[in-house]
């Protein structure tokens, strides 16, 4: 009797998971749509601290601050090398 209840709960969990997964996850990536992926990057501690301080001063998250910094760097390089 106990095993039957346990198997019923597992199958109920599986059904709930599948409903959630098919309703809220993208079929191609398995992520929720509209969210950017999380990535890991390695930074020198000093560079990280400088970026963190700059992001706090500008009242932004470090992720948003880094995105803006990367976009500015790409724009500067395009201006410096318009042929590429």
N, C-alpha and C. Protein backbone atom coordinates (compact mmCIF):
# COMPACT_ATOMS: atom_id res chain seq x y z
N UNK A 1 0.83 -1.19 0.00
CA UNK A 1 0.00 0.00 0.00
C UNK A 1 0.87 1.26 0.00
N UNK A 2 1.91 1.27 0.81
CA UNK A 2 2.79 2.43 0.89
C UNK A 2 3.50 2.66 -0.44
N UNK A 3 3.98 1.58 -1.06
CA UNK A 3 4.66 1.71 -2.34
C UNK A 3 3.72 2.27 -3.41
N UNK A 4 2.48 1.86 -3.37
CA UNK A 4 1.50 2.37 -4.33
C UNK A 4 1.33 3.88 -4.18
N UNK A 5 1.25 4.37 -2.95
CA UNK A 5 1.13 5.80 -2.72
C UNK A 5 2.38 6.55 -3.18
N UNK A 6 3.53 5.98 -2.92
CA UNK A 6 4.78 6.61 -3.34
C UNK A 6 4.85 6.70 -4.87
N UNK A 7 4.49 5.64 -5.55
CA UNK A 7 4.53 5.67 -7.01
C UNK A 7 3.49 6.65 -7.56
N UNK A 8 2.35 6.78 -6.88
CA UNK A 8 1.34 7.74 -7.30
C UNK A 8 1.88 9.16 -7.15
N UNK A 9 2.56 9.46 -6.04
CA UNK A 9 3.13 10.79 -5.84
C UNK A 9 4.20 11.09 -6.87
N UNK A 10 5.01 10.12 -7.18
CA UNK A 10 6.04 10.35 -8.18
C UNK A 10 5.43 10.61 -9.55
N UNK A 11 4.41 9.86 -9.89
CA UNK A 11 3.79 10.09 -11.19
C UNK A 11 3.06 11.43 -11.20
N UNK A 12 2.48 11.83 -10.08
CA UNK A 12 1.84 13.14 -10.00
C UNK A 12 2.88 14.25 -10.14
N UNK A 13 4.04 14.06 -9.50
CA UNK A 13 5.13 15.02 -9.63
C UNK A 13 5.59 15.10 -11.08
N UNK A 14 5.73 13.97 -11.74
CA UNK A 14 6.14 13.95 -13.14
C UNK A 14 5.16 14.70 -14.02
N UNK A 15 3.87 14.53 -13.76
CA UNK A 15 2.85 15.21 -14.55
C UNK A 15 2.94 16.72 -14.34
N UNK A 16 3.06 17.14 -13.08
CA UNK A 16 3.17 18.57 -12.79
C UNK A 16 4.41 19.14 -13.44
N UNK A 17 5.53 18.43 -13.37
CA UNK A 17 6.76 18.89 -13.98
C UNK A 17 6.60 19.04 -15.49
N UNK A 18 6.02 18.05 -16.12
CA UNK A 18 5.84 18.12 -17.58
C UNK A 18 4.92 19.26 -17.98
N UNK A 19 3.86 19.49 -17.22
CA UNK A 19 2.95 20.59 -17.53
C UNK A 19 3.70 21.91 -17.38
N UNK A 20 4.46 22.07 -16.30
CA UNK A 20 5.22 23.30 -16.10
C UNK A 20 6.26 23.48 -17.21
N UNK A 21 6.97 22.40 -17.52
CA UNK A 21 8.04 22.48 -18.52
C UNK A 21 7.47 22.85 -19.89
N UNK A 22 6.38 22.23 -20.29
CA UNK A 22 5.83 22.52 -21.61
C UNK A 22 5.16 23.89 -21.66
N UNK A 23 4.64 24.36 -20.52
CA UNK A 23 3.93 25.64 -20.52
C UNK A 23 4.88 26.82 -20.44
N UNK A 24 5.98 26.68 -19.69
CA UNK A 24 6.82 27.85 -19.40
C UNK A 24 8.23 27.79 -19.96
N UNK A 25 8.63 26.69 -20.53
CA UNK A 25 9.99 26.57 -21.03
C UNK A 25 10.01 26.57 -22.55
N UNK A 26 11.08 27.12 -23.09
CA UNK A 26 11.25 27.13 -24.54
C UNK A 26 11.62 25.72 -24.99
N UNK A 27 11.00 25.21 -26.05
CA UNK A 27 11.31 23.85 -26.48
C UNK A 27 12.73 23.69 -27.02
N UNK A 28 13.31 24.77 -27.57
CA UNK A 28 14.63 24.62 -28.17
C UNK A 28 15.76 24.70 -27.16
N UNK A 29 15.60 25.52 -26.12
CA UNK A 29 16.71 25.70 -25.18
C UNK A 29 16.44 25.13 -23.80
N UNK A 30 15.19 24.90 -23.45
CA UNK A 30 14.89 24.41 -22.12
C UNK A 30 14.90 25.51 -21.07
N UNK A 31 14.95 26.77 -21.50
CA UNK A 31 14.94 27.91 -20.58
C UNK A 31 13.60 28.62 -20.67
N UNK A 32 13.31 29.41 -19.65
CA UNK A 32 12.11 30.23 -19.70
C UNK A 32 12.32 31.32 -20.74
N UNK A 33 11.34 31.57 -21.60
CA UNK A 33 11.50 32.58 -22.64
C UNK A 33 11.64 33.98 -22.04
N UNK A 34 12.44 34.79 -22.70
CA UNK A 34 12.61 36.18 -22.28
C UNK A 34 13.76 36.38 -21.31
N UNK A 35 14.33 35.33 -20.79
CA UNK A 35 15.45 35.47 -19.86
C UNK A 35 16.76 35.27 -20.59
N UNK A 36 17.75 36.03 -20.21
CA UNK A 36 19.07 35.85 -20.79
C UNK A 36 19.79 34.72 -20.07
N UNK A 37 20.66 34.03 -20.77
CA UNK A 37 21.35 32.91 -20.12
C UNK A 37 22.37 33.41 -19.09
N UNK A 38 22.58 32.61 -18.08
CA UNK A 38 23.62 32.90 -17.10
C UNK A 38 24.93 32.35 -17.62
N UNK A 39 25.98 33.16 -17.52
CA UNK A 39 27.29 32.71 -17.95
C UNK A 39 28.29 32.97 -16.83
N UNK A 40 29.38 32.26 -16.89
CA UNK A 40 30.46 32.48 -15.93
C UNK A 40 31.68 32.98 -16.68
N UNK A 41 32.30 34.01 -16.14
CA UNK A 41 33.53 34.52 -16.72
C UNK A 41 34.56 34.65 -15.62
N UNK A 42 35.82 34.55 -15.98
CA UNK A 42 36.89 34.70 -15.00
C UNK A 42 37.48 36.10 -15.14
N UNK A 43 37.57 36.77 -14.00
CA UNK A 43 38.13 38.12 -13.97
C UNK A 43 39.22 38.19 -12.91
N UNK A 44 40.16 39.05 -13.17
CA UNK A 44 41.15 39.36 -12.16
C UNK A 44 40.41 40.04 -10.99
N UNK A 45 40.81 39.77 -9.76
CA UNK A 45 40.11 40.33 -8.61
C UNK A 45 40.09 41.85 -8.63
N UNK A 46 41.20 42.46 -9.02
CA UNK A 46 41.25 43.92 -9.06
C UNK A 46 40.27 44.49 -10.09
N UNK A 47 40.21 43.85 -11.24
CA UNK A 47 39.28 44.29 -12.29
C UNK A 47 37.85 44.12 -11.80
N UNK A 48 37.56 43.00 -11.16
CA UNK A 48 36.21 42.77 -10.64
C UNK A 48 35.85 43.84 -9.61
N UNK A 49 36.76 44.14 -8.70
CA UNK A 49 36.48 45.15 -7.67
C UNK A 49 36.23 46.51 -8.29
N UNK A 50 37.02 46.88 -9.30
CA UNK A 50 36.83 48.16 -9.98
C UNK A 50 35.47 48.21 -10.67
N UNK A 51 35.10 47.11 -11.32
CA UNK A 51 33.80 47.05 -11.99
C UNK A 51 32.67 47.09 -10.98
N UNK A 52 32.86 46.42 -9.87
CA UNK A 52 31.82 46.42 -8.83
C UNK A 52 31.62 47.81 -8.25
N UNK A 53 32.71 48.50 -7.95
CA UNK A 53 32.62 49.86 -7.40
C UNK A 53 31.96 50.79 -8.41
N UNK A 54 32.36 50.69 -9.68
CA UNK A 54 31.77 51.54 -10.71
C UNK A 54 30.28 51.26 -10.88
N UNK A 55 29.88 49.99 -10.77
CA UNK A 55 28.46 49.67 -10.91
C UNK A 55 27.65 50.19 -9.74
N UNK A 56 28.21 50.14 -8.54
CA UNK A 56 27.51 50.66 -7.37
C UNK A 56 27.37 52.17 -7.46
N UNK A 57 28.44 52.85 -7.89
CA UNK A 57 28.40 54.31 -8.04
C UNK A 57 27.35 54.72 -9.06
N UNK A 58 27.24 53.96 -10.15
CA UNK A 58 26.26 54.30 -11.18
C UNK A 58 24.88 53.73 -10.89
N UNK A 59 24.73 53.08 -9.73
CA UNK A 59 23.44 52.53 -9.28
C UNK A 59 22.86 51.52 -10.27
N UNK A 60 23.72 50.63 -10.72
CA UNK A 60 23.31 49.56 -11.63
C UNK A 60 23.81 48.24 -11.08
N UNK A 61 23.20 47.17 -11.55
CA UNK A 61 23.75 45.86 -11.19
C UNK A 61 25.06 45.68 -11.95
N UNK A 62 25.89 44.82 -11.45
CA UNK A 62 27.17 44.61 -12.13
C UNK A 62 26.94 44.00 -13.52
N UNK A 63 25.89 43.20 -13.67
CA UNK A 63 25.58 42.63 -14.98
C UNK A 63 25.21 43.69 -15.99
N UNK A 64 24.35 44.62 -15.59
CA UNK A 64 23.96 45.72 -16.50
C UNK A 64 25.15 46.62 -16.80
N UNK A 65 25.96 46.87 -15.79
CA UNK A 65 27.13 47.73 -15.99
C UNK A 65 28.10 47.07 -16.96
N UNK A 66 28.33 45.76 -16.81
CA UNK A 66 29.24 45.06 -17.71
C UNK A 66 28.70 45.01 -19.14
N UNK A 67 27.40 44.85 -19.30
CA UNK A 67 26.80 44.85 -20.64
C UNK A 67 27.05 46.20 -21.31
N UNK A 68 26.82 47.28 -20.58
CA UNK A 68 27.07 48.62 -21.14
C UNK A 68 28.54 48.82 -21.48
N UNK A 69 29.43 48.35 -20.62
CA UNK A 69 30.86 48.50 -20.87
C UNK A 69 31.28 47.71 -22.11
N UNK A 70 30.75 46.52 -22.27
CA UNK A 70 31.07 45.71 -23.46
C UNK A 70 30.53 46.37 -24.72
N UNK A 71 29.31 46.88 -24.65
CA UNK A 71 28.73 47.55 -25.82
C UNK A 71 29.52 48.80 -26.19
N UNK A 72 29.97 49.56 -25.20
CA UNK A 72 30.79 50.74 -25.47
C UNK A 72 32.11 50.35 -26.11
N UNK A 73 32.73 49.28 -25.64
CA UNK A 73 34.00 48.81 -26.20
C UNK A 73 33.81 48.38 -27.66
N UNK A 74 32.74 47.67 -27.95
CA UNK A 74 32.46 47.24 -29.32
C UNK A 74 32.25 48.45 -30.23
N UNK A 75 31.52 49.46 -29.75
CA UNK A 75 31.28 50.66 -30.55
C UNK A 75 32.58 51.41 -30.81
N UNK A 76 33.45 51.52 -29.80
CA UNK A 76 34.74 52.20 -29.99
C UNK A 76 35.60 51.47 -31.01
N UNK A 77 35.62 50.16 -30.95
CA UNK A 77 36.44 49.40 -31.90
C UNK A 77 35.88 49.50 -33.32
N UNK A 78 34.56 49.58 -33.46
CA UNK A 78 33.98 49.76 -34.79
C UNK A 78 34.32 51.12 -35.35
N UNK A 79 34.34 52.15 -34.49
CA UNK A 79 34.72 53.49 -34.95
C UNK A 79 36.19 53.54 -35.34
N UNK A 80 37.04 52.86 -34.59
CA UNK A 80 38.48 52.87 -34.88
C UNK A 80 38.82 52.06 -36.13
N UNK A 81 38.08 51.00 -36.38
CA UNK A 81 38.32 50.14 -37.55
C UNK A 81 37.04 49.97 -38.36
N UNK A 82 36.65 50.97 -39.12
CA UNK A 82 35.38 50.88 -39.86
C UNK A 82 35.38 49.85 -40.97
N UNK A 83 36.56 49.40 -41.42
CA UNK A 83 36.63 48.45 -42.52
C UNK A 83 36.32 47.04 -42.09
N UNK A 84 36.38 46.73 -40.83
CA UNK A 84 36.17 45.35 -40.35
C UNK A 84 34.74 45.07 -40.08
